[in-house]
Amino acid sequence: MAVYKEEKTNTWRVIYRYTDWNGERKQSQKRGFKTKREAQAWEREQLSKLGNDLDMTFASFVDCYTEDMKVRIKENTWQTKEHIIKTKLLPYFGKLKMCNITAQQIITWQRRNGK
């Protein structure tokens, strides 16, 4: 929502508002970005995560998935899933937006990985 330059530290700060799962309005911030572009990109990504919007990157989706699933399954099961995600899925899909991933890309990935 708002990106400000902090003169003392010569860095950028993001302040944004969102609605939590209870419907309450909240405000949050993050500081320490070196450039305005980095701050704005981080802000867009956070708002995508909070808005349950598929306009987020696959890597951001994995972060949301991790928060949800890590506490719900056994540690060994999570370690297996995490290994597959980090070594196989993120290198291929990590920077793609969820809404842009096509069935053809998934089929290509499966063929490439011998599945």
PDB file of N, CA and C in Angstrom:
ATOM      1  N   MET A   1       0.817  -1.181   0.000  1.00  0.00           N
ATOM      2  CA  MET A   1       0.000   0.000   0.000  1.00  0.00           C
ATOM      3  C   MET A   1       0.867   1.254   0.000  1.00  0.00           C
ATOM      4  N   ALA A   2       1.887   1.255   0.874  1.00  0.00           N
ATOM      5  CA  ALA A   2       2.730   2.439   0.942  1.00  0.00           C
ATOM      6  C   ALA A   2       4.189   2.018   1.093  1.00  0.00           C
ATOM      7  N   VAL A   3       5.034   2.679   0.328  1.00  0.00           N
ATOM      8  CA  VAL A   3       6.466   2.424   0.380  1.00  0.00           C
ATOM      9  C   VAL A   3       7.139   3.748   0.720  1.00  0.00           C
ATOM     10  N   TYR A   4       7.938   3.739   1.790  1.00  0.00           N
ATOM     11  CA  TYR A   4       8.602   4.956   2.245  1.00  0.00           C
ATOM     12  C   TYR A   4      10.102   4.758   2.314  1.00  0.00           C
ATOM     13  N   LYS A   5      10.839   5.848   2.100  1.00  0.00           N
ATOM     14  CA  LYS A   5      12.289   5.804   2.269  1.00  0.00           C
ATOM     15  C   LYS A   5      12.615   6.301   3.668  1.00  0.00           C
ATOM     16  N   GLU A   6      13.415   5.534   4.384  1.00  0.00           N
ATOM     17  CA  GLU A   6      13.858   5.938   5.709  1.00  0.00           C
ATOM     18  C   GLU A   6      15.205   6.639   5.557  1.00  0.00           C
ATOM     19  N   GLU A   7      15.228   7.909   5.859  1.00  0.00           N
ATOM     20  CA  GLU A   7      16.422   8.725   5.628  1.00  0.00           C
ATOM     21  C   GLU A   7      17.582   8.332   6.549  1.00  0.00           C
ATOM     22  N   LYS A   8      17.281   7.945   7.784  1.00  0.00           N
ATOM     23  CA  LYS A   8      18.345   7.596   8.736  1.00  0.00           C
ATOM     24  C   LYS A   8      19.174   6.413   8.259  1.00  0.00           C
ATOM     25  N   THR A   9      18.483   5.377   7.752  1.00  0.00           N
ATOM     26  CA  THR A   9      19.176   4.144   7.366  1.00  0.00           C
ATOM     27  C   THR A   9      19.387   4.028   5.864  1.00  0.00           C
ATOM     28  N   ASN A  10      18.790   4.960   5.107  1.00  0.00           N
ATOM     29  CA  ASN A  10      18.881   4.964   3.647  1.00  0.00           C
ATOM     30  C   ASN A  10      18.337   3.662   3.038  1.00  0.00           C
ATOM     31  N   THR A  11      17.251   3.154   3.651  1.00  0.00           N
ATOM     32  CA  THR A  11      16.588   1.945   3.151  1.00  0.00           C
ATOM     33  C   THR A  11      15.104   2.244   2.963  1.00  0.00           C
ATOM     34  N   TRP A  12      14.391   1.274   2.411  1.00  0.00           N
ATOM     35  CA  TRP A  12      12.965   1.426   2.129  1.00  0.00           C
ATOM     36  C   TRP A  12      12.134   0.593   3.091  1.00  0.00           C
ATOM     37  N   ARG A  13      10.915   1.066   3.366  1.00  0.00           N
ATOM     38  CA  ARG A  13      10.007   0.404   4.292  1.00  0.00           C
ATOM     39  C   ARG A  13       8.637   0.259   3.630  1.00  0.00           C
ATOM     40  N   VAL A  14       7.984  -0.872   3.855  1.00  0.00           N
ATOM     41  CA  VAL A  14       6.646  -1.133   3.319  1.00  0.00           C
ATOM     42  C   VAL A  14       5.664  -1.200   4.481  1.00  0.00           C
ATOM     43  N   ILE A  15       4.555  -0.499   4.339  1.00  0.00           N
ATOM     44  CA  ILE A  15       3.450  -0.599   5.293  1.00  0.00           C
ATOM     45  C   ILE A  15       2.221  -1.015   4.491  1.00  0.00           C
ATOM     46  N   TYR A  16       1.565  -2.086   4.921  1.00  0.00           N
ATOM     47  CA  TYR A  16       0.379  -2.538   4.198  1.00  0.00           C
ATOM     48  C   TYR A  16      -0.709  -2.975   5.164  1.00  0.00           C
ATOM     49  N   ARG A  17      -1.928  -2.917   4.692  1.00  0.00           N
ATOM     50  CA  ARG A  17      -3.088  -3.317   5.481  1.00  0.00           C
ATOM     51  C   ARG A  17      -3.739  -4.522   4.816  1.00  0.00           C
ATOM     52  N   TYR A  18      -4.295  -5.385   5.657  1.00  0.00           N
ATOM     53  CA  TYR A  18      -4.955  -6.584   5.143  1.00  0.00           C
ATOM     54  C   TYR A  18      -6.078  -6.989   6.077  1.00  0.00           C
ATOM     55  N   THR A  19      -6.925  -7.878   5.605  1.00  0.00           N
ATOM     56  CA  THR A  19      -8.013  -8.417   6.410  1.00  0.00           C
ATOM     57  C   THR A  19      -7.649  -9.848   6.778  1.00  0.00           C
ATOM     58  N   ASP A  20      -7.627 -10.148   8.077  1.00  0.00           N
ATOM     59  CA  ASP A  20      -7.255 -11.491   8.521  1.00  0.00           C
ATOM     60  C   ASP A  20      -8.432 -12.453   8.392  1.00  0.00           C
ATOM     61  N   TRP A  21      -8.233 -13.685   8.816  1.00  0.00           N
ATOM     62  CA  TRP A  21      -9.247 -14.721   8.646  1.00  0.00           C
ATOM     63  C   TRP A  21     -10.502 -14.457   9.467  1.00  0.00           C
ATOM     64  N   ASN A  22     -10.408 -13.605  10.497  1.00  0.00           N
ATOM     65  CA  ASN A  22     -11.582 -13.238  11.297  1.00  0.00           C
ATOM     66  C   ASN A  22     -12.348 -12.076  10.696  1.00  0.00           C
ATOM     67  N   GLY A  23     -11.821 -11.488   9.636  1.00  0.00           N
ATOM     68  CA  GLY A  23     -12.459 -10.336   9.027  1.00  0.00           C
ATOM     69  C   GLY A  23     -12.006  -9.014   9.621  1.00  0.00           C
ATOM     70  N   GLU A  24     -11.018  -9.064  10.512  1.00  0.00           N
ATOM     71  CA  GLU A  24     -10.509  -7.846  11.138  1.00  0.00           C
ATOM     72  C   GLU A  24      -9.430  -7.212  10.279  1.00  0.00           C
ATOM     73  N   ARG A  25      -9.426  -5.882  10.224  1.00  0.00           N
ATOM     74  CA  ARG A  25      -8.399  -5.164   9.473  1.00  0.00           C
ATOM     75  C   ARG A  25      -7.128  -5.103  10.320  1.00  0.00           C
ATOM     76  N   LYS A  26      -5.995  -5.414   9.711  1.00  0.00           N
ATOM     77  CA  LYS A  26      -4.699  -5.399  10.388  1.00  0.00           C
ATOM     78  C   LYS A  26      -3.721  -4.562   9.572  1.00  0.00           C
ATOM     79  N   GLN A  27      -2.662  -4.113  10.231  1.00  0.00           N
ATOM     80  CA  GLN A  27      -1.601  -3.386   9.539  1.00  0.00           C
ATOM     81  C   GLN A  27      -0.284  -4.052   9.876  1.00  0.00           C
ATOM     82  N   SER A  28       0.595  -4.138   8.894  1.00  0.00           N
ATOM     83  CA  SER A  28       1.901  -4.742   9.099  1.00  0.00           C
ATOM     84  C   SER A  28       2.938  -3.959   8.300  1.00  0.00           C
ATOM     85  N   GLN A  29       4.207  -4.212   8.594  1.00  0.00           N
ATOM     86  CA  GLN A  29       5.270  -3.520   7.882  1.00  0.00           C
ATOM     87  C   GLN A  29       6.527  -4.369   7.833  1.00  0.00           C
ATOM     88  N   LYS A  30       7.402  -4.013   6.918  1.00  0.00           N
ATOM     89  CA  LYS A  30       8.727  -4.633   6.842  1.00  0.00           C
ATOM     90  C   LYS A  30       9.706  -3.556   6.408  1.00  0.00           C
ATOM     91  N   ARG A  31      10.878  -3.582   7.010  1.00  0.00           N
ATOM     92  CA  ARG A  31      11.888  -2.563   6.746  1.00  0.00           C
ATOM     93  C   ARG A  31      13.149  -3.192   6.196  1.00  0.00           C
ATOM     94  N   GLY A  32      14.021  -2.332   5.678  1.00  0.00           N
ATOM     95  CA  GLY A  32      15.363  -2.767   5.315  1.00  0.00           C
ATOM     96  C   GLY A  32      15.581  -3.108   3.857  1.00  0.00           C
ATOM     97  N   PHE A  33      14.681  -2.729   2.964  1.00  0.00           N
ATOM     98  CA  PHE A  33      14.879  -3.003   1.547  1.00  0.00           C
ATOM     99  C   PHE A  33      15.888  -2.024   0.963  1.00  0.00           C
ATOM    100  N   LYS A  34      16.772  -2.503   0.125  1.00  0.00           N
ATOM    101  CA  LYS A  34      17.792  -1.651  -0.464  1.00  0.00           C
ATOM    102  C   LYS A  34      17.238  -0.751  -1.553  1.00  0.00           C
ATOM    103  N   THR A  35      16.233  -1.241  -2.305  1.00  0.00           N
ATOM    104  CA  THR A  35      15.655  -0.441  -3.381  1.00  0.00           C
ATOM    105  C   THR A  35      14.137  -0.383  -3.246  1.00  0.00           C
ATOM    106  N   LYS A  36      13.572   0.631  -3.858  1.00  0.00           N
ATOM    107  CA  LYS A  36      12.118   0.785  -3.852  1.00  0.00           C
ATOM    108  C   LYS A  36      11.466  -0.363  -4.612  1.00  0.00           C
ATOM    109  N   ARG A  37      12.113  -0.795  -5.685  1.00  0.00           N
ATOM    110  CA  ARG A  37      11.576  -1.896  -6.494  1.00  0.00           C
ATOM    111  C   ARG A  37      11.467  -3.180  -5.671  1.00  0.00           C
ATOM    112  N   GLU A  38      12.485  -3.484  -4.860  1.00  0.00           N
ATOM    113  CA  GLU A  38      12.442  -4.675  -3.996  1.00  0.00           C
ATOM    114  C   GLU A  38      11.287  -4.577  -3.013  1.00  0.00           C
ATOM    115  N   ALA A  39      11.101  -3.403  -2.435  1.00  0.00           N
ATOM    116  CA  ALA A  39      10.034  -3.197  -1.452  1.00  0.00           C
ATOM    117  C   ALA A  39       8.664  -3.394  -2.102  1.00  0.00           C
ATOM    118  N   GLN A  40       8.475  -2.846  -3.282  1.00  0.00           N
ATOM    119  CA  GLN A  40       7.189  -2.986  -3.965  1.00  0.00           C
ATOM    120  C   GLN A  40       6.923  -4.429  -4.381  1.00  0.00           C
ATOM    121  N   ALA A  41       7.955  -5.128  -4.818  1.00  0.00           N
ATOM    122  CA  ALA A  41       7.792  -6.536  -5.201  1.00  0.00           C
ATOM    123  C   ALA A  41       7.398  -7.374  -3.980  1.00  0.00           C
ATOM    124  N   TRP A  42       8.050  -7.126  -2.839  1.00  0.00           N
ATOM    125  CA  TRP A  42       7.732  -7.855  -1.618  1.00  0.00           C
ATOM    126  C   TRP A  42       6.291  -7.573  -1.202  1.00  0.00           C
ATOM    127  N   GLU A  43       5.879  -6.320  -1.300  1.00  0.00           N
ATOM    128  CA  GLU A  43       4.520  -5.932  -0.937  1.00  0.00           C
ATOM    129  C   GLU A  43       3.488  -6.650  -1.805  1.00  0.00           C
ATOM    130  N   ARG A  44       3.710  -6.683  -3.104  1.00  0.00           N
ATOM    131  CA  ARG A  44       2.785  -7.379  -4.013  1.00  0.00           C
ATOM    132  C   ARG A  44       2.675  -8.859  -3.648  1.00  0.00           C
ATOM    133  N   GLU A  45       3.816  -9.462  -3.351  1.00  0.00           N
ATOM    134  CA  GLU A  45       3.840 -10.884  -3.009  1.00  0.00           C
ATOM    135  C   GLU A  45       3.065 -11.146  -1.713  1.00  0.00           C
ATOM    136  N   GLN A  46       3.254 -10.289  -0.711  1.00  0.00           N
ATOM    137  CA  GLN A  46       2.540 -10.453   0.559  1.00  0.00           C
ATOM    138  C   GLN A  46       1.041 -10.308   0.367  1.00  0.00           C
ATOM    139  N   LEU A  47       0.625  -9.309  -0.385  1.00  0.00           N
ATOM    140  CA  LEU A  47      -0.803  -9.113  -0.603  1.00  0.00           C
ATOM    141  C   LEU A  47      -1.412 -10.275  -1.387  1.00  0.00           C
ATOM    142  N   SER A  48      -0.649 -10.871  -2.286  1.00  0.00           N
ATOM    143  CA  SER A  48      -1.130 -12.048  -3.013  1.00  0.00           C
ATOM    144  C   SER A  48      -1.330 -13.220  -2.064  1.00  0.00           C
ATOM    145  N   LYS A  49      -0.376 -13.406  -1.157  1.00  0.00           N
ATOM    146  CA  LYS A  49      -0.490 -14.490  -0.183  1.00  0.00           C
ATOM    147  C   LYS A  49      -1.706 -14.298   0.709  1.00  0.00           C
ATOM    148  N   LEU A  50      -1.877 -13.090   1.199  1.00  0.00           N
ATOM    149  CA  LEU A  50      -2.968 -12.816   2.123  1.00  0.00           C
ATOM    150  C   LEU A  50      -4.326 -12.845   1.445  1.00  0.00           C
ATOM    151  N   GLY A  51      -4.351 -12.515   0.175  1.00  0.00           N
ATOM    152  CA  GLY A  51      -5.614 -12.458  -0.541  1.00  0.00           C
ATOM    153  C   GLY A  51      -6.049 -13.779  -1.126  1.00  0.00           C
ATOM    154  N   ASN A  52      -5.310 -14.840  -0.867  1.00  0.00           N
ATOM    155  CA  ASN A  52      -5.606 -16.149  -1.441  1.00  0.00           C
ATOM    156  C   ASN A  52      -5.733 -16.066  -2.953  1.00  0.00           C
ATOM    157  N   ASP A  53      -4.881 -15.287  -3.550  1.00  0.00           N
ATOM    158  CA  ASP A  53      -4.901 -15.039  -4.984  1.00  0.00           C
ATOM    159  C   ASP A  53      -3.869 -15.939  -5.653  1.00  0.00           C
ATOM    160  N   LEU A  54      -4.215 -16.543  -6.763  1.00  0.00           N
ATOM    161  CA  LEU A  54      -3.265 -17.403  -7.466  1.00  0.00           C
ATOM    162  C   LEU A  54      -2.309 -16.612  -8.348  1.00  0.00           C
ATOM    163  N   ASP A  55      -2.247 -15.311  -8.144  1.00  0.00           N
ATOM    164  CA  ASP A  55      -1.308 -14.474  -8.873  1.00  0.00           C
ATOM    165  C   ASP A  55       0.042 -14.444  -8.162  1.00  0.00           C
ATOM    166  N   MET A  56       0.259 -15.360  -7.211  1.00  0.00           N
ATOM    167  CA  MET A  56       1.534 -15.444  -6.493  1.00  0.00           C
ATOM    168  C   MET A  56       2.456 -16.434  -7.195  1.00  0.00           C
ATOM    169  N   THR A  57       3.732 -16.350  -6.879  1.00  0.00           N
ATOM    170  CA  THR A  57       4.678 -17.296  -7.457  1.00  0.00           C
ATOM    171  C   THR A  57       4.506 -18.664  -6.804  1.00  0.00           C
ATOM    172  N   PHE A  58       5.013 -19.676  -7.482  1.00  0.00           N
ATOM    173  CA  PHE A  58       4.939 -21.026  -6.933  1.00  0.00           C
ATOM    174  C   PHE A  58       5.715 -21.099  -5.617  1.00  0.00           C
ATOM    175  N   ALA A  59       6.855 -20.393  -5.540  1.00  0.00           N
ATOM    176  CA  ALA A  59       7.655 -20.389  -4.311  1.00  0.00           C
ATOM    177  C   ALA A  59       6.854 -19.811  -3.140  1.00  0.00           C
ATOM    178  N   SER A  60       6.073 -18.776  -3.376  1.00  0.00           N
ATOM    179  CA  SER A  60       5.240 -18.202  -2.319  1.00  0.00           C
ATOM    180  C   SER A  60       4.130 -19.167  -1.922  1.00  0.00           C
ATOM    181  N   PHE A  61       3.591 -19.866  -2.902  1.00  0.00           N
ATOM    182  CA  PHE A  61       2.575 -20.868  -2.607  1.00  0.00           C
ATOM    183  C   PHE A  61       3.162 -21.969  -1.718  1.00  0.00           C
ATOM    184  N   VAL A  62       4.398 -22.360  -2.001  1.00  0.00           N
ATOM    185  CA  VAL A  62       5.062 -23.381  -1.187  1.00  0.00           C
ATOM    186  C   VAL A  62       5.218 -22.887   0.251  1.00  0.00           C
ATOM    187  N   ASP A  63       5.511 -21.604   0.434  1.00  0.00           N
ATOM    188  CA  ASP A  63       5.601 -21.050   1.789  1.00  0.00           C
ATOM    189  C   ASP A  63       4.268 -21.181   2.521  1.00  0.00           C
ATOM    190  N   CYS A  64       3.174 -20.849   1.846  1.00  0.00           N
ATOM    191  CA  CYS A  64       1.839 -20.983   2.447  1.00  0.00           C
ATOM    192  C   CYS A  64       1.536 -22.451   2.759  1.00  0.00           C
ATOM    193  N   TYR A  65       1.864 -23.317   1.824  1.00  0.00           N
ATOM    194  CA  TYR A  65       1.646 -24.749   1.994  1.00  0.00           C
ATOM    195  C   TYR A  65       2.448 -25.272   3.190  1.00  0.00           C
ATOM    196  N   THR A  66       3.680 -24.812   3.310  1.00  0.00           N
ATOM    197  CA  THR A  66       4.548 -25.244   4.405  1.00  0.00           C
ATOM    198  C   THR A  66       3.955 -24.845   5.749  1.00  0.00           C
ATOM    199  N   GLU A  67       3.514 -23.593   5.867  1.00  0.00           N
ATOM    200  CA  GLU A  67       2.910 -23.134   7.120  1.00  0.00           C
ATOM    201  C   GLU A  67       1.712 -23.993   7.509  1.00  0.00           C
ATOM    202  N   ASP A  68       0.925 -24.378   6.527  1.00  0.00           N
ATOM    203  CA  ASP A  68      -0.279 -25.145   6.797  1.00  0.00           C
ATOM    204  C   ASP A  68       0.029 -26.605   7.113  1.00  0.00           C
ATOM    205  N   MET A  69       0.872 -27.233   6.315  1.00  0.00           N
ATOM    206  CA  MET A  69       1.044 -28.687   6.407  1.00  0.00           C
ATOM    207  C   MET A  69       2.085 -29.152   7.425  1.00  0.00           C
ATOM    208  N   LYS A  70       3.096 -28.358   7.681  1.00  0.00           N
ATOM    209  CA  LYS A  70       4.192 -28.812   8.532  1.00  0.00           C
ATOM    210  C   LYS A  70       3.719 -29.237   9.921  1.00  0.00           C
ATOM    211  N   VAL A  71       2.740 -28.553  10.459  1.00  0.00           N
ATOM    212  CA  VAL A  71       2.248 -28.881  11.795  1.00  0.00           C
ATOM    213  C   VAL A  71       1.203 -29.990  11.783  1.00  0.00           C
ATOM    214  N   ARG A  72       0.725 -30.370  10.607  1.00  0.00           N
ATOM    215  CA  ARG A  72      -0.366 -31.336  10.509  1.00  0.00           C
ATOM    216  C   ARG A  72       0.091 -32.755  10.221  1.00  0.00           C
ATOM    217  N   ILE A  73       1.350 -32.938   9.812  1.00  0.00           N
ATOM    218  CA  ILE A  73       1.822 -34.280   9.461  1.00  0.00           C
ATOM    219  C   ILE A  73       3.071 -34.623  10.265  1.00  0.00           C
ATOM    220  N   LYS A  74       3.417 -35.888  10.262  1.00  0.00           N
ATOM    221  CA  LYS A  74       4.587 -36.332  11.015  1.00  0.00           C
ATOM    222  C   LYS A  74       5.871 -35.756  10.428  1.00  0.00           C
ATOM    223  N   GLU A  75       6.882 -35.616  11.258  1.00  0.00           N
ATOM    224  CA  GLU A  75       8.148 -34.992  10.861  1.00  0.00           C
ATOM    225  C   GLU A  75       8.808 -35.715   9.690  1.00  0.00           C
ATOM    226  N   ASN A  76       8.845 -37.030   9.726  1.00  0.00           N
ATOM    227  CA  ASN A  76       9.482 -37.782   8.654  1.00  0.00           C
ATOM    228  C   ASN A  76       8.752 -37.592   7.323  1.00  0.00           C
ATOM    229  N   THR A  77       7.434 -37.568   7.375  1.00  0.00           N
ATOM    230  CA  THR A  77       6.644 -37.338   6.167  1.00  0.00           C
ATOM    231  C   THR A  77       6.934 -35.949   5.617  1.00  0.00           C
ATOM    232  N   TRP A  78       7.003 -34.963   6.516  1.00  0.00           N
ATOM    233  CA  TRP A  78       7.293 -33.604   6.063  1.00  0.00           C
ATOM    234  C   TRP A  78       8.682 -33.521   5.424  1.00  0.00           C
ATOM    235  N   GLN A  79       9.662 -34.172   6.002  1.00  0.00           N
ATOM    236  CA  GLN A  79      11.014 -34.130   5.443  1.00  0.00           C
ATOM    237  C   GLN A  79      11.041 -34.711   4.029  1.00  0.00           C
ATOM    238  N   THR A  80      10.285 -35.770   3.802  1.00  0.00           N
ATOM    239  CA  THR A  80      10.200 -36.351   2.465  1.00  0.00           C
ATOM    240  C   THR A  80       9.574 -35.361   1.488  1.00  0.00           C
ATOM    241  N   LYS A  81       8.449 -34.761   1.878  1.00  0.00           N
ATOM    242  CA  LYS A  81       7.789 -33.769   1.027  1.00  0.00           C
ATOM    243  C   LYS A  81       8.706 -32.582   0.757  1.00  0.00           C
ATOM    244  N   GLU A  82       9.370 -32.093   1.790  1.00  0.00           N
ATOM    245  CA  GLU A  82      10.243 -30.932   1.657  1.00  0.00           C
ATOM    246  C   GLU A  82      11.396 -31.212   0.691  1.00  0.00           C
ATOM    247  N   HIS A  83      11.948 -32.413   0.762  1.00  0.00           N
ATOM    248  CA  HIS A  83      13.035 -32.786  -0.152  1.00  0.00           C
ATOM    249  C   HIS A  83      12.554 -32.758  -1.607  1.00  0.00           C
ATOM    250  N   ILE A  84      11.389 -33.317  -1.860  1.00  0.00           N
ATOM    251  CA  ILE A  84      10.837 -33.328  -3.215  1.00  0.00           C
ATOM    252  C   ILE A  84      10.564 -31.907  -3.691  1.00  0.00           C
ATOM    253  N   ILE A  85       9.978 -31.099  -2.834  1.00  0.00           N
ATOM    254  CA  ILE A  85       9.666 -29.711  -3.208  1.00  0.00           C
ATOM    255  C   ILE A  85      10.937 -28.945  -3.546  1.00  0.00           C
ATOM    256  N   LYS A  86      11.944 -29.034  -2.675  1.00  0.00           N
ATOM    257  CA  LYS A  86      13.169 -28.242  -2.866  1.00  0.00           C
ATOM    258  C   LYS A  86      14.034 -28.722  -4.018  1.00  0.00           C
ATOM    259  N   THR A  87      14.117 -30.024  -4.220  1.00  0.00           N
ATOM    260  CA  THR A  87      15.031 -30.535  -5.246  1.00  0.00           C
ATOM    261  C   THR A  87      14.385 -30.734  -6.610  1.00  0.00           C
ATOM    262  N   LYS A  88      13.082 -30.907  -6.649  1.00  0.00           N
ATOM    263  CA  LYS A  88      12.436 -31.219  -7.921  1.00  0.00           C
ATOM    264  C   LYS A  88      11.463 -30.144  -8.401  1.00  0.00           C
ATOM    265  N   LEU A  89      10.616 -29.631  -7.513  1.00  0.00           N
ATOM    266  CA  LEU A  89       9.579 -28.692  -7.930  1.00  0.00           C
ATOM    267  C   LEU A  89      10.050 -27.238  -8.010  1.00  0.00           C
ATOM    268  N   LEU A  90      10.698 -26.757  -6.951  1.00  0.00           N
ATOM    269  CA  LEU A  90      11.106 -25.351  -6.938  1.00  0.00           C
ATOM    270  C   LEU A  90      12.091 -24.960  -8.039  1.00  0.00           C
ATOM    271  N   PRO A  91      13.068 -25.798  -8.378  1.00  0.00           N
ATOM    272  CA  PRO A  91      13.954 -25.392  -9.472  1.00  0.00           C
ATOM    273  C   PRO A  91      13.223 -25.189 -10.797  1.00  0.00           C
ATOM    274  N   TYR A  92      12.167 -25.907 -11.022  1.00  0.00           N
ATOM    275  CA  TYR A  92      11.446 -25.825 -12.294  1.00  0.00           C
ATOM    276  C   TYR A  92      10.315 -24.796 -12.259  1.00  0.00           C
ATOM    277  N   PHE A  93       9.508 -24.801 -11.189  1.00  0.00           N
ATOM    278  CA  PHE A  93       8.315 -23.962 -11.124  1.00  0.00           C
ATOM    279  C   PHE A  93       8.457 -22.746 -10.210  1.00  0.00           C
ATOM    280  N   GLY A  94       9.527 -22.636  -9.451  1.00  0.00           N
ATOM    281  CA  GLY A  94       9.665 -21.636  -8.390  1.00  0.00           C
ATOM    282  C   GLY A  94       9.326 -20.211  -8.757  1.00  0.00           C
ATOM    283  N   LYS A  95       9.784 -19.728  -9.912  1.00  0.00           N
ATOM    284  CA  LYS A  95       9.575 -18.325 -10.278  1.00  0.00           C
ATOM    285  C   LYS A  95       8.308 -18.085 -11.089  1.00  0.00           C
ATOM    286  N   LEU A  96       7.635 -19.160 -11.483  1.00  0.00           N
ATOM    287  CA  LEU A  96       6.398 -19.019 -12.264  1.00  0.00           C
ATOM    288  C   LEU A  96       5.233 -18.639 -11.364  1.00  0.00           C
ATOM    289  N   LYS A  97       4.312 -17.865 -11.888  1.00  0.00           N
ATOM    290  CA  LYS A  97       3.102 -17.529 -11.144  1.00  0.00           C
ATOM    291  C   LYS A  97       2.154 -18.719 -11.211  1.00  0.00           C
ATOM    292  N   MET A  98       1.464 -18.974 -10.123  1.00  0.00           N
ATOM    293  CA  MET A  98       0.555 -20.114 -10.045  1.00  0.00           C
ATOM    294  C   MET A  98      -0.497 -20.067 -11.150  1.00  0.00           C
ATOM    295  N   CYS A  99      -1.018 -18.887 -11.439  1.00  0.00           N
ATOM    296  CA  CYS A  99      -2.078 -18.776 -12.434  1.00  0.00           C
ATOM    297  C   CYS A  99      -1.566 -19.004 -13.855  1.00  0.00           C
ATOM    298  N   ASN A 100      -0.245 -18.987 -14.051  1.00  0.00           N
ATOM    299  CA  ASN A 100       0.322 -19.170 -15.388  1.00  0.00           C
ATOM    300  C   ASN A 100       0.857 -20.572 -15.641  1.00  0.00           C
ATOM    301  N   ILE A 101       0.840 -21.433 -14.638  1.00  0.00           N
ATOM    302  CA  ILE A 101       1.329 -22.803 -14.818  1.00  0.00           C
ATOM    303  C   ILE A 101       0.266 -23.587 -15.577  1.00  0.00           C
ATOM    304  N   THR A 102       0.685 -24.184 -16.696  1.00  0.00           N
ATOM    305  CA  THR A 102      -0.258 -24.910 -17.543  1.00  0.00           C
ATOM    306  C   THR A 102      -0.070 -26.413 -17.397  1.00  0.00           C
ATOM    307  N   ALA A 103      -1.051 -27.143 -17.866  1.00  0.00           N
ATOM    308  CA  ALA A 103      -0.975 -28.605 -17.848  1.00  0.00           C
ATOM    309  C   ALA A 103       0.216 -29.068 -18.695  1.00  0.00           C
ATOM    310  N   GLN A 104       0.474 -28.395 -19.804  1.00  0.00           N
ATOM    311  CA  GLN A 104       1.586 -28.760 -20.675  1.00  0.00           C
ATOM    312  C   GLN A 104       2.924 -28.613 -19.946  1.00  0.00           C
ATOM    313  N   GLN A 105       3.076 -27.571 -19.142  1.00  0.00           N
ATOM    314  CA  GLN A 105       4.307 -27.391 -18.376  1.00  0.00           C
ATOM    315  C   GLN A 105       4.485 -28.519 -17.361  1.00  0.00           C
ATOM    316  N   ILE A 106       3.406 -28.922 -16.748  1.00  0.00           N
ATOM    317  CA  ILE A 106       3.472 -30.018 -15.765  1.00  0.00           C
ATOM    318  C   ILE A 106       3.839 -31.320 -16.463  1.00  0.00           C
ATOM    319  N   ILE A 107       3.244 -31.590 -17.619  1.00  0.00           N
ATOM    320  CA  ILE A 107       3.565 -32.803 -18.381  1.00  0.00           C
ATOM    321  C   ILE A 107       5.035 -32.798 -18.799  1.00  0.00           C
ATOM    322  N   THR A 108       5.520 -31.639 -19.251  1.00  0.00           N
ATOM    323  CA  THR A 108       6.929 -31.512 -19.638  1.00  0.00           C
ATOM    324  C   THR A 108       7.838 -31.775 -18.445  1.00  0.00           C
ATOM    325  N   TRP A 109       7.484 -31.224 -17.285  1.00  0.00           N
ATOM    326  CA  TRP A 109       8.267 -31.442 -16.069  1.00  0.00           C
ATOM    327  C   TRP A 109       8.279 -32.930 -15.700  1.00  0.00           C
ATOM    328  N   GLN A 110       7.122 -33.599 -15.793  1.00  0.00           N
ATOM    329  CA  GLN A 110       7.039 -35.012 -15.469  1.00  0.00           C
ATOM    330  C   GLN A 110       7.913 -35.846 -16.393  1.00  0.00           C
ATOM    331  N   ARG A 111       7.898 -35.532 -17.677  1.00  0.00           N
ATOM    332  CA  ARG A 111       8.733 -36.283 -18.632  1.00  0.00           C
ATOM    333  C   ARG A 111      10.213 -36.065 -18.335  1.00  0.00           C
ATOM    334  N   ARG A 112      10.561 -34.833 -18.018  1.00  0.00           N
ATOM    335  CA  ARG A 112      11.954 -34.495 -17.739  1.00  0.00           C
ATOM    336  C   ARG A 112      12.473 -35.209 -16.495  1.00  0.00           C
ATOM    337  N   ASN A 113      11.583 -35.434 -15.533  1.00  0.00           N
ATOM    338  CA  ASN A 113      11.977 -36.060 -14.284  1.00  0.00           C
ATOM    339  C   ASN A 113      11.699 -37.555 -14.262  1.00  0.00           C
ATOM    340  N   GLY A 114      11.300 -38.122 -15.387  1.00  0.00           N
ATOM    341  CA  GLY A 114      11.120 -39.573 -15.475  1.00  0.00           C
ATOM    342  C   GLY A 114       9.992 -40.112 -14.641  1.00  0.00           C
ATOM    343  N   LYS A 115       8.947 -39.365 -14.457  1.00  0.00           N
ATOM    344  CA  LYS A 115       7.812 -39.836 -13.648  1.00  0.00           C
ATOM    345  C   LYS A 115       6.702 -40.297 -14.541  1.00  0.00           C
TER     346      LYS A 115
END
